N, C-alpha and C. Protein backbone atom coordinates (compact mmCIF):
# COMPACT_ATOMS: atom_id res chain seq x y z
N MET A 1 27.13 4.22 18.25
CA MET A 1 28.06 4.42 18.76
C MET A 1 28.53 3.50 19.49
N LYS A 2 29.93 3.18 19.69
CA LYS A 2 30.20 1.88 20.89
C LYS A 2 30.54 2.27 21.76
N ARG A 3 30.00 1.52 22.60
CA ARG A 3 30.52 2.25 24.33
C ARG A 3 31.63 1.16 24.86
N PHE A 4 32.50 1.72 24.18
CA PHE A 4 34.03 0.38 24.27
C PHE A 4 34.88 -0.08 25.38
N ALA A 5 34.97 -0.50 26.14
CA ALA A 5 36.34 -0.99 26.83
C ALA A 5 36.65 -2.45 27.38
N ALA A 6 37.84 -2.61 27.52
CA ALA A 6 38.18 -3.84 27.93
C ALA A 6 38.22 -4.40 28.62
N LEU A 7 37.27 -3.34 30.21
CA LEU A 7 36.50 -4.16 31.14
C LEU A 7 35.24 -4.44 31.26
N ILE A 8 34.85 -3.36 30.59
CA ILE A 8 33.48 -3.45 30.79
C ILE A 8 32.41 -3.39 29.62
N ALA A 9 30.84 -4.32 29.64
CA ALA A 9 30.45 -4.75 27.75
C ALA A 9 29.10 -4.15 28.01
N LEU A 10 28.42 -3.17 27.60
CA LEU A 10 27.27 -2.77 27.83
C LEU A 10 26.57 -2.51 26.55
N PRO A 11 25.34 -2.80 26.86
CA PRO A 11 24.64 -3.04 25.89
C PRO A 11 23.81 -1.51 24.99
N LEU A 12 23.92 -1.86 23.78
CA LEU A 12 23.38 -0.88 22.94
C LEU A 12 22.13 -1.21 22.64
N LEU A 13 21.33 -0.19 23.14
CA LEU A 13 19.75 -0.56 22.74
C LEU A 13 19.34 -0.09 21.49
N GLY A 14 18.38 -1.06 21.32
CA GLY A 14 17.51 -1.12 19.87
C GLY A 14 17.74 -2.38 19.40
N ALA A 15 18.91 -3.60 20.06
CA ALA A 15 19.35 -4.99 19.82
C ALA A 15 17.94 -5.57 19.98
N ALA A 16 17.24 -5.25 20.59
CA ALA A 16 15.95 -6.23 21.20
C ALA A 16 15.15 -5.08 20.93
N THR A 17 13.68 -5.66 20.36
CA THR A 17 12.35 -5.10 20.54
C THR A 17 11.86 -4.91 22.10
N PRO A 18 11.62 -3.61 22.64
CA PRO A 18 10.68 -3.45 23.71
C PRO A 18 9.67 -4.46 23.85
N ALA A 19 10.17 -5.00 25.22
CA ALA A 19 8.60 -5.82 25.77
C ALA A 19 7.42 -5.17 26.07
N ASP A 20 6.17 -5.34 25.83
CA ASP A 20 5.26 -4.70 26.32
C ASP A 20 5.12 -5.15 27.94
N SER A 21 4.71 -3.97 28.72
CA SER A 21 4.51 -4.12 30.02
C SER A 21 2.92 -4.51 30.60
N VAL A 22 3.22 -5.19 31.25
CA VAL A 22 1.23 -6.02 31.49
C VAL A 22 1.13 -5.39 33.22
N ALA A 23 -0.30 -5.78 33.37
CA ALA A 23 -0.62 -4.69 34.90
C ALA A 23 -0.41 -6.69 35.87
N PRO A 24 0.22 -5.85 36.91
CA PRO A 24 -0.20 -6.96 37.24
C PRO A 24 -1.15 -7.93 38.80
N ASP A 25 -0.86 -8.40 38.89
CA ASP A 25 -1.99 -9.23 39.42
C ASP A 25 -1.47 -10.49 40.78
N SER A 26 -2.47 -11.00 41.51
CA SER A 26 -2.26 -11.44 42.37
C SER A 26 -1.60 -12.79 41.99
N ALA A 27 -2.13 -13.46 41.68
CA ALA A 27 -2.03 -14.69 40.62
C ALA A 27 -0.71 -14.92 39.67
N GLU A 28 -0.59 -13.66 39.54
CA GLU A 28 0.59 -14.08 38.23
C GLU A 28 1.96 -14.02 39.65
N ALA A 29 1.77 -12.68 40.86
CA ALA A 29 2.79 -11.95 41.54
C ALA A 29 3.11 -13.81 41.87
N GLU A 30 2.29 -14.53 42.83
CA GLU A 30 2.18 -16.12 43.25
C GLU A 30 2.96 -17.17 42.45
N SER A 31 2.90 -17.05 40.74
CA SER A 31 3.65 -17.90 39.88
C SER A 31 5.10 -16.69 39.82
N THR A 32 5.45 -16.62 40.23
CA THR A 32 6.80 -15.75 40.13
C THR A 32 7.79 -16.25 41.26
N ASN A 33 8.81 -16.89 40.47
CA ASN A 33 9.84 -17.47 41.37
C ASN A 33 11.14 -16.07 41.31
N VAL A 34 11.28 -15.49 42.93
CA VAL A 34 11.97 -15.06 43.19
C VAL A 34 13.32 -15.12 43.01
N LEU A 35 13.80 -13.82 41.46
CA LEU A 35 15.56 -14.11 41.91
C LEU A 35 16.21 -12.77 42.77
N ILE A 36 15.04 -11.56 43.35
CA ILE A 36 16.27 -10.27 43.61
C ILE A 36 15.07 -9.35 44.47
N ASP A 37 15.18 -9.98 45.87
CA ASP A 37 13.40 -8.80 46.53
C ASP A 37 14.84 -7.96 47.23
N PHE A 38 14.06 -7.05 47.16
CA PHE A 38 15.09 -5.37 47.19
C PHE A 38 14.72 -6.12 48.78
N ARG A 39 13.66 -6.22 49.90
CA ARG A 39 13.92 -6.28 51.11
C ARG A 39 15.32 -6.67 51.81
N ALA A 40 15.59 -7.54 51.08
CA ALA A 40 17.17 -8.22 51.85
C ALA A 40 18.32 -8.08 50.53
N GLU A 41 17.74 -7.29 49.93
CA GLU A 41 19.71 -6.49 49.12
C GLU A 41 19.98 -5.55 49.98
N ASP A 42 21.67 -5.30 49.42
CA ASP A 42 22.20 -4.43 49.76
C ASP A 42 22.97 -3.62 48.30
N ALA A 43 22.91 -1.89 48.48
CA ALA A 43 22.99 -1.03 47.59
C ALA A 43 24.33 -1.33 47.24
N GLU A 44 24.79 -2.04 48.84
CA GLU A 44 26.99 -1.95 47.97
C GLU A 44 27.15 -3.35 46.82
N ASP A 45 26.04 -3.71 46.98
CA ASP A 45 25.73 -5.07 45.97
C ASP A 45 25.95 -4.99 44.37
N TRP A 46 25.39 -3.56 44.21
CA TRP A 46 25.33 -2.39 42.56
C TRP A 46 26.42 -1.78 42.84
N THR A 47 27.13 -2.32 41.30
CA THR A 47 27.91 -1.39 41.06
C THR A 47 27.46 -0.63 40.03
N ILE A 48 27.68 0.17 39.90
CA ILE A 48 27.70 1.70 38.76
C ILE A 48 28.52 1.21 37.93
N ILE A 49 28.02 1.58 36.51
CA ILE A 49 29.27 1.63 35.25
C ILE A 49 28.57 2.94 34.39
N ASP A 50 29.03 3.37 34.57
CA ASP A 50 28.42 5.16 33.80
C ASP A 50 29.68 5.63 32.68
N ASP A 51 29.47 5.89 31.57
CA ASP A 51 30.61 6.52 30.70
C ASP A 51 31.70 7.42 30.82
N ARG A 52 31.11 7.69 32.33
CA ARG A 52 32.49 8.20 32.41
C ARG A 52 33.79 7.56 32.77
N ARG A 53 33.87 6.16 32.97
CA ARG A 53 34.94 5.14 32.60
C ARG A 53 35.31 5.62 31.67
N LEU A 54 34.60 6.54 30.16
CA LEU A 54 35.48 6.17 29.36
C LEU A 54 35.54 8.28 28.73
N PHE A 55 35.96 8.61 29.61
CA PHE A 55 35.32 10.30 29.64
C PHE A 55 34.52 10.79 29.90
N GLY A 56 33.05 10.05 29.24
CA GLY A 56 32.06 11.07 29.30
C GLY A 56 31.54 11.28 30.52
N ARG A 57 30.44 12.04 30.59
CA ARG A 57 29.85 13.17 31.86
C ARG A 57 28.85 12.88 32.41
N SER A 58 28.00 11.38 31.57
CA SER A 58 26.39 11.08 32.81
C SER A 58 26.99 10.10 33.99
N ARG A 59 25.91 10.69 34.98
CA ARG A 59 26.29 10.14 35.99
C ARG A 59 25.18 9.34 36.54
N SER A 60 25.55 8.64 37.47
CA SER A 60 24.11 7.42 38.39
C SER A 60 24.14 7.61 39.47
N SER A 61 23.63 6.91 40.53
CA SER A 61 23.62 6.21 41.41
C SER A 61 22.64 5.29 41.52
N PHE A 62 22.86 4.50 42.66
CA PHE A 62 21.61 3.47 42.83
C PHE A 62 21.32 3.40 44.50
N ALA A 63 20.33 2.94 45.21
CA ALA A 63 20.33 2.87 46.97
C ALA A 63 19.32 1.91 46.90
N VAL A 64 19.31 1.38 47.29
CA VAL A 64 17.81 0.76 48.20
C VAL A 64 17.09 1.95 49.25
N SER A 65 16.15 2.26 48.53
CA SER A 65 15.22 3.02 49.30
C SER A 65 14.26 2.77 51.04
N SER A 66 13.48 3.27 52.36
CA SER A 66 13.27 2.53 52.65
C SER A 66 11.65 1.92 52.49
N ASN A 67 10.88 2.25 51.39
CA ASN A 67 9.93 1.69 50.74
C ASN A 67 10.74 0.18 50.30
N ASN A 68 12.12 -0.42 50.22
CA ASN A 68 12.71 -1.40 50.01
C ASN A 68 12.73 -1.63 48.88
N THR A 69 12.92 -0.51 47.60
CA THR A 69 13.06 -0.83 46.67
C THR A 69 14.24 -0.52 46.12
N GLY A 70 14.81 -0.96 44.87
CA GLY A 70 16.46 -0.32 44.47
C GLY A 70 15.61 0.89 43.69
N VAL A 71 16.95 2.11 43.29
CA VAL A 71 16.43 2.58 42.81
C VAL A 71 17.73 3.17 42.06
N PHE A 72 17.20 2.99 40.71
CA PHE A 72 18.42 3.73 39.57
C PHE A 72 17.93 5.37 39.11
N ALA A 73 19.07 6.19 39.19
CA ALA A 73 19.00 7.33 39.41
C ALA A 73 19.79 8.13 38.69
N GLY A 74 20.00 9.30 37.93
CA GLY A 74 21.00 9.73 37.66
C GLY A 74 20.69 10.95 35.85
N VAL A 75 21.90 11.65 35.55
CA VAL A 75 21.26 12.35 34.32
C VAL A 75 22.75 11.83 33.41
N VAL A 76 22.02 11.56 31.56
CA VAL A 76 22.75 11.25 30.82
C VAL A 76 22.72 12.14 29.75
N LYS A 77 23.87 12.28 29.36
CA LYS A 77 24.70 13.37 28.32
C LYS A 77 25.67 12.83 27.46
N ASP A 78 25.30 13.23 26.24
CA ASP A 78 26.06 12.28 25.47
C ASP A 78 26.96 13.29 25.12
N SER A 79 28.04 14.18 25.36
CA SER A 79 29.04 15.15 25.49
C SER A 79 30.49 13.92 25.18
N ARG A 80 31.78 14.23 24.78
CA ARG A 80 32.78 13.67 24.75
C ARG A 80 32.40 12.25 24.98
N GLY A 81 32.23 12.04 23.65
CA GLY A 81 31.19 10.33 23.21
C GLY A 81 30.79 9.54 23.89
N GLY A 82 30.12 9.91 25.71
CA GLY A 82 29.33 9.03 26.31
C GLY A 82 27.64 8.78 25.78
N GLY A 83 26.92 8.32 27.15
CA GLY A 83 25.97 8.00 26.35
C GLY A 83 24.88 7.41 27.10
N TRP A 84 25.74 7.30 28.11
CA TRP A 84 25.05 6.10 28.60
C TRP A 84 25.26 5.46 30.12
N CYS A 85 24.49 5.19 31.02
CA CYS A 85 24.49 4.40 32.76
C CYS A 85 24.05 3.33 32.51
N SER A 86 24.31 2.39 33.75
CA SER A 86 24.71 1.42 33.84
C SER A 86 24.52 0.83 35.29
N VAL A 87 23.76 -0.07 35.76
CA VAL A 87 24.24 -0.60 37.03
C VAL A 87 24.28 -1.99 37.00
N ARG A 88 24.93 -2.85 37.87
CA ARG A 88 25.22 -4.51 37.76
C ARG A 88 25.18 -5.29 38.76
N ARG A 89 24.54 -6.26 38.64
CA ARG A 89 24.33 -7.07 39.93
C ARG A 89 25.25 -8.46 39.67
N THR A 90 26.02 -8.16 40.68
CA THR A 90 26.95 -9.92 40.08
C THR A 90 26.94 -10.60 41.48
N PHE A 91 26.76 -11.83 41.21
CA PHE A 91 26.37 -13.61 42.36
C PHE A 91 27.55 -13.84 43.07
N GLU A 92 27.65 -13.91 43.83
CA GLU A 92 28.26 -14.95 43.89
C GLU A 92 28.55 -16.19 43.52
N ASP A 93 27.72 -16.49 43.45
CA ASP A 93 27.65 -18.16 42.65
C ASP A 93 26.38 -17.90 41.81
N ALA A 94 26.62 -18.96 40.55
CA ALA A 94 25.84 -18.18 39.41
C ALA A 94 23.74 -18.68 40.15
N ALA A 95 23.58 -18.44 39.77
CA ALA A 95 21.60 -18.32 40.08
C ALA A 95 21.53 -19.20 38.42
N ASP A 96 20.59 -20.06 38.95
CA ASP A 96 20.49 -21.18 37.66
C ASP A 96 18.51 -20.69 37.37
N LEU A 97 18.68 -20.33 36.72
CA LEU A 97 17.17 -19.85 35.67
C LEU A 97 17.34 -20.79 34.32
N GLY A 98 17.85 -21.63 34.43
CA GLY A 98 17.39 -22.85 33.34
C GLY A 98 16.26 -23.07 32.91
N ALA A 99 15.53 -22.82 33.91
CA ALA A 99 13.65 -23.38 34.13
C ALA A 99 12.97 -21.87 33.41
N ALA A 100 13.64 -20.90 33.45
CA ALA A 100 13.09 -20.02 33.32
C ALA A 100 12.46 -19.57 31.75
N GLU A 101 11.54 -19.11 31.49
CA GLU A 101 11.17 -18.94 30.37
C GLU A 101 10.78 -17.35 29.78
N ARG A 102 10.91 -16.87 30.93
CA ARG A 102 10.53 -15.57 30.83
C ARG A 102 11.18 -14.48 32.13
N ILE A 103 12.11 -13.74 31.78
CA ILE A 103 12.35 -12.76 32.83
C ILE A 103 10.96 -11.62 33.49
N VAL A 104 11.11 -11.26 34.96
CA VAL A 104 10.14 -10.46 35.53
C VAL A 104 10.77 -10.02 36.16
N LEU A 105 10.37 -8.58 35.44
CA LEU A 105 10.46 -7.18 36.20
C LEU A 105 8.98 -6.40 36.97
N ARG A 106 9.49 -5.92 38.24
CA ARG A 106 8.80 -5.20 38.63
C ARG A 106 8.83 -3.61 38.91
N VAL A 107 8.88 -2.85 38.39
CA VAL A 107 9.65 -1.65 37.93
C VAL A 107 8.32 -0.28 38.24
N ARG A 108 9.13 0.93 38.16
CA ARG A 108 8.26 2.10 38.00
C ARG A 108 9.13 3.06 37.65
N GLY A 109 9.18 3.25 36.21
CA GLY A 109 10.17 4.05 35.13
C GLY A 109 9.35 5.82 35.02
N ASP A 110 9.88 6.05 34.20
CA ASP A 110 9.62 7.52 33.89
C ASP A 110 9.69 7.78 32.15
N GLY A 111 8.70 6.17 31.61
CA GLY A 111 8.75 6.18 30.26
C GLY A 111 9.64 6.71 29.22
N HIS A 112 10.98 6.24 29.73
CA HIS A 112 12.52 5.50 29.13
C HIS A 112 12.62 4.39 28.56
N THR A 113 13.06 4.32 27.21
CA THR A 113 13.36 2.71 27.59
C THR A 113 14.93 2.57 28.06
N TYR A 114 14.36 0.69 28.45
CA TYR A 114 15.77 0.27 29.32
C TYR A 114 16.03 -1.10 28.85
N GLY A 115 17.34 -1.18 29.06
CA GLY A 115 18.52 -2.31 28.63
C GLY A 115 18.36 -3.25 30.08
N PHE A 116 17.47 -4.58 29.75
CA PHE A 116 17.98 -5.31 31.37
C PHE A 116 19.07 -6.60 30.52
N ASP A 117 19.78 -7.14 31.29
CA ASP A 117 20.67 -7.72 30.76
C ASP A 117 21.50 -8.80 31.43
N LEU A 118 21.58 -10.12 30.63
CA LEU A 118 22.29 -11.65 31.89
C LEU A 118 23.45 -11.79 30.85
N ARG A 119 24.29 -12.23 31.89
CA ARG A 119 25.51 -12.70 31.43
C ARG A 119 25.72 -14.04 31.94
N ASP A 120 26.65 -14.80 31.13
CA ASP A 120 26.34 -16.49 31.90
C ASP A 120 27.17 -17.08 31.82
N ASP A 121 28.67 -15.68 32.62
CA ASP A 121 30.50 -16.28 32.09
C ASP A 121 30.46 -14.68 33.47
N ARG A 122 31.48 -15.44 34.10
CA ARG A 122 32.39 -14.85 34.73
C ARG A 122 32.97 -13.63 33.94
N SER A 123 33.42 -13.32 33.21
CA SER A 123 33.96 -12.76 32.34
C SER A 123 33.70 -11.36 32.24
N LEU A 124 33.84 -10.08 32.48
CA LEU A 124 33.36 -8.82 32.12
C LEU A 124 33.24 -8.34 30.68
N ALA A 125 33.95 -8.94 30.01
CA ALA A 125 34.24 -8.61 28.54
C ALA A 125 33.94 -9.47 27.36
N GLY A 126 32.90 -10.22 27.81
CA GLY A 126 32.68 -11.01 26.82
C GLY A 126 31.49 -10.45 26.60
N VAL A 127 30.38 -12.24 25.47
CA VAL A 127 29.27 -12.02 24.99
C VAL A 127 28.41 -11.93 26.53
N TYR A 128 27.05 -10.88 26.41
CA TYR A 128 26.50 -10.86 27.32
C TYR A 128 24.27 -10.78 26.44
N TYR A 129 23.71 -11.20 27.06
CA TYR A 129 22.49 -10.65 26.34
C TYR A 129 20.97 -10.06 27.07
N GLU A 130 20.98 -9.04 25.50
CA GLU A 130 20.11 -7.87 26.58
C GLU A 130 18.58 -8.11 26.22
N SER A 131 17.54 -7.41 26.77
CA SER A 131 16.34 -7.56 25.85
C SER A 131 16.33 -6.12 26.65
N ALA A 132 14.39 -5.65 26.10
CA ALA A 132 14.37 -3.99 26.39
C ALA A 132 12.82 -4.13 26.57
N PHE A 133 13.08 -2.48 27.60
CA PHE A 133 11.57 -2.48 27.98
C PHE A 133 11.25 -1.16 27.79
N VAL A 134 9.67 -0.78 27.55
CA VAL A 134 9.33 0.94 27.91
C VAL A 134 8.86 0.72 29.20
N SER A 135 9.41 2.19 29.97
CA SER A 135 8.59 1.78 31.23
C SER A 135 7.33 2.91 31.10
N THR A 136 7.01 3.65 32.08
CA THR A 136 5.45 3.62 32.52
C THR A 136 6.19 4.36 33.02
N LYS A 137 5.52 5.37 32.66
CA LYS A 137 6.02 7.27 33.20
C LYS A 137 5.11 6.83 34.43
N ASP A 138 5.79 6.79 36.09
CA ASP A 138 5.50 7.27 37.37
C ASP A 138 3.83 5.79 37.88
N GLU A 139 3.52 5.09 37.04
CA GLU A 139 3.21 3.67 37.64
C GLU A 139 3.82 2.55 37.58
N TRP A 140 3.51 1.57 38.83
CA TRP A 140 4.41 0.40 38.60
C TRP A 140 3.77 -0.29 37.79
N THR A 141 4.11 -1.45 37.18
CA THR A 141 4.43 -2.25 36.06
C THR A 141 4.91 -3.30 35.98
N THR A 142 4.06 -4.92 35.65
CA THR A 142 4.51 -5.79 36.13
C THR A 142 5.61 -6.26 34.28
N VAL A 143 6.56 -6.09 34.05
CA VAL A 143 6.75 -6.22 32.88
C VAL A 143 7.44 -7.96 32.56
N GLU A 144 7.12 -8.52 31.58
CA GLU A 144 7.80 -9.82 30.63
C GLU A 144 8.80 -9.41 29.97
N LEU A 145 10.00 -10.39 30.24
CA LEU A 145 10.72 -10.47 29.05
C LEU A 145 10.97 -11.92 28.51
N PRO A 146 10.49 -12.30 27.36
CA PRO A 146 10.60 -14.05 27.22
C PRO A 146 12.25 -14.00 27.25
N LEU A 147 12.79 -15.31 27.50
CA LEU A 147 14.73 -15.52 27.16
C LEU A 147 14.47 -15.47 25.97
N ASP A 148 13.34 -15.43 25.02
CA ASP A 148 14.02 -15.57 23.14
C ASP A 148 13.53 -14.26 23.02
N SER A 149 13.89 -12.78 23.47
CA SER A 149 14.03 -12.28 23.23
C SER A 149 15.52 -11.25 23.56
N PHE A 150 16.23 -11.92 24.59
CA PHE A 150 17.40 -11.84 24.66
C PHE A 150 18.54 -12.08 23.49
N ARG A 151 18.87 -11.00 23.00
CA ARG A 151 20.23 -10.68 21.79
C ARG A 151 21.68 -10.79 22.36
N PRO A 152 22.26 -11.72 22.25
CA PRO A 152 23.85 -11.67 22.01
C PRO A 152 24.65 -10.14 21.83
N MET A 153 24.93 -9.54 23.04
CA MET A 153 25.83 -8.31 22.61
C MET A 153 27.40 -8.29 22.93
N LYS A 154 27.98 -7.61 22.29
CA LYS A 154 29.22 -7.72 23.24
C LYS A 154 29.85 -5.89 23.38
N MET A 155 30.37 -5.36 24.12
CA MET A 155 31.41 -3.99 24.35
C MET A 155 30.30 -3.48 23.52
N GLY A 156 28.97 -3.08 23.32
CA GLY A 156 28.04 -1.97 23.33
C GLY A 156 27.40 -2.59 21.81
N SER A 157 27.70 -3.61 21.90
CA SER A 157 27.03 -3.40 20.12
C SER A 157 26.06 -5.23 19.25
N PRO A 158 26.03 -5.08 19.41
CA PRO A 158 25.08 -6.65 18.96
C PRO A 158 26.40 -7.29 17.89
N SER A 159 25.93 -8.76 18.40
CA SER A 159 27.54 -9.39 18.37
C SER A 159 26.57 -10.92 17.40
N LYS A 160 28.08 -11.15 16.36
CA LYS A 160 28.02 -11.76 15.83
C LYS A 160 27.81 -13.40 16.18
N SER A 161 28.07 -13.41 17.55
CA SER A 161 28.14 -14.62 17.79
C SER A 161 27.09 -15.73 18.35
N SER A 162 27.26 -16.69 17.79
CA SER A 162 26.33 -18.49 17.96
C SER A 162 25.81 -18.86 18.71
N LYS A 163 26.56 -18.58 19.91
CA LYS A 163 26.81 -19.12 21.34
C LYS A 163 25.43 -18.66 22.31
N THR A 164 24.33 -19.73 22.77
CA THR A 164 23.02 -19.00 22.70
C THR A 164 23.44 -19.22 24.41
N LEU A 165 22.10 -18.47 25.20
CA LEU A 165 22.27 -17.56 26.89
C LEU A 165 22.20 -19.85 27.16
N ASP A 166 22.84 -19.18 27.79
CA ASP A 166 22.92 -20.45 29.02
C ASP A 166 22.26 -20.15 30.46
N ALA A 167 20.84 -19.90 30.68
CA ALA A 167 20.85 -19.31 32.00
C ALA A 167 20.41 -19.79 32.97
N GLY A 168 21.08 -21.27 32.79
CA GLY A 168 21.20 -22.15 34.13
C GLY A 168 22.61 -21.49 34.61
N GLU A 169 23.64 -20.65 34.25
CA GLU A 169 24.40 -20.49 34.99
C GLU A 169 24.72 -18.72 34.53
N THR A 170 23.39 -18.06 35.71
CA THR A 170 23.71 -16.24 35.34
C THR A 170 24.58 -15.97 36.36
N TRP A 171 25.51 -15.31 36.77
CA TRP A 171 26.35 -14.70 37.05
C TRP A 171 25.91 -13.27 37.25
N SER A 172 25.45 -12.67 36.52
CA SER A 172 24.99 -10.94 36.54
C SER A 172 23.59 -10.47 36.14
N VAL A 173 22.94 -9.89 36.28
CA VAL A 173 22.47 -8.92 36.06
C VAL A 173 22.47 -7.99 35.58
N ALA A 174 21.51 -6.45 35.24
CA ALA A 174 22.24 -5.18 34.68
C ALA A 174 20.96 -4.35 33.78
N PHE A 175 20.75 -3.37 34.65
CA PHE A 175 19.81 -2.02 34.12
C PHE A 175 20.86 -2.17 33.30
N VAL A 176 20.48 -0.67 31.99
CA VAL A 176 20.74 -0.03 30.67
C VAL A 176 19.67 1.34 30.47
N ILE A 177 20.57 2.36 30.73
CA ILE A 177 20.06 3.42 29.83
C ILE A 177 20.80 4.08 28.56
N ALA A 178 20.46 4.58 27.64
CA ALA A 178 21.24 4.58 26.18
C ALA A 178 20.60 5.35 25.37
N GLY A 179 21.29 4.60 24.02
CA GLY A 179 20.55 5.50 22.74
C GLY A 179 20.25 6.22 22.58
N GLY A 180 20.58 7.50 23.14
CA GLY A 180 19.87 8.58 22.84
C GLY A 180 19.15 9.53 23.42
N GLN A 181 18.93 8.63 24.58
CA GLN A 181 18.24 8.98 25.81
C GLN A 181 18.39 9.95 26.40
N THR A 182 18.96 11.35 26.56
CA THR A 182 19.60 11.91 27.63
C THR A 182 18.29 12.81 28.07
N GLY A 183 19.36 13.30 29.91
CA GLY A 183 18.61 14.51 30.64
C GLY A 183 18.19 13.05 31.52
N PRO A 184 17.63 13.45 32.78
CA PRO A 184 17.43 12.71 33.96
C PRO A 184 16.30 11.68 33.97
N PHE A 185 17.02 10.53 34.90
CA PHE A 185 16.13 9.12 34.27
C PHE A 185 16.12 8.65 35.90
N ARG A 186 14.99 8.29 35.88
CA ARG A 186 14.55 7.51 37.36
C ARG A 186 13.97 6.09 37.43
N LEU A 187 14.70 4.96 37.63
CA LEU A 187 13.70 3.59 37.65
C LEU A 187 13.87 3.08 38.83
N GLU A 188 12.57 2.79 39.16
CA GLU A 188 12.27 2.18 41.11
C GLU A 188 11.88 0.77 40.31
N ILE A 189 12.41 0.44 41.44
CA ILE A 189 12.59 -1.90 41.39
C ILE A 189 12.41 -2.59 42.46
N GLU A 190 10.88 -3.00 42.43
CA GLU A 190 10.38 -3.72 43.51
C GLU A 190 11.34 -4.68 43.50
N MET A 191 11.02 -5.99 41.71
CA MET A 191 11.42 -7.23 42.25
C MET A 191 11.94 -7.78 41.18
N ILE A 192 12.58 -8.30 40.63
CA ILE A 192 13.19 -9.14 39.44
C ILE A 192 13.22 -10.92 39.77
N GLY A 193 12.25 -11.37 38.74
CA GLY A 193 12.38 -12.92 38.99
C GLY A 193 11.97 -13.28 38.05
N TRP A 194 11.87 -14.99 38.15
CA TRP A 194 11.28 -15.50 36.50
C TRP A 194 9.65 -16.29 36.65
N LYS A 195 9.59 -16.73 36.10
CA LYS A 195 8.60 -17.64 35.16
C LYS A 195 8.62 -18.97 34.30
N THR A 196 8.02 -20.43 34.85
CA THR A 196 8.27 -21.04 34.43
C THR A 196 7.35 -20.83 32.64
N GLY A 197 7.06 -21.84 32.21
CA GLY A 197 6.37 -21.57 30.58
C GLY A 197 4.46 -22.12 31.55
N GLU A 198 4.45 -22.64 32.45
CA GLU A 198 3.65 -23.51 33.59
C GLU A 198 2.26 -22.67 33.49
């Protein structure tokens, strides 16, 4: 089902093959360039976008915990044509990820599949790019998403656009849960970063 609106554009999970989670080690942590560290984040910088904007009944929240992690949690309901929740972080100035070959996420999940989005323009109704990963229930994992795994999307559906992601002009990032995954969910995020090919 399309989650469609003029002012928001949300991913349809399944457009990309979920990436494998890999166990972290200190060497990996040292080589990761940090984009978002929740020790310096404010929950008010993140915007919840649920299907309630289109008369659905899903609900979610985002908070920064006392352990300095971001917590995206809620309940997905597929009634009234809904079935998705998302949270977005928009930057005041574009982040330059032009040298990145992989996005790195340090997360603790619940076994659900989540989408991670990158947007390379200011428009909230244009093309954005999505990759997906399967979280591990109650365990911290480091997920690496190759830049070439991000697929163009528009208004909740795969886009036929030939435009490629310009990671050097990253204006926002987002997490989403959708794809028929109804019920409670919880994703805890410690860090969002990126790696070069070195």
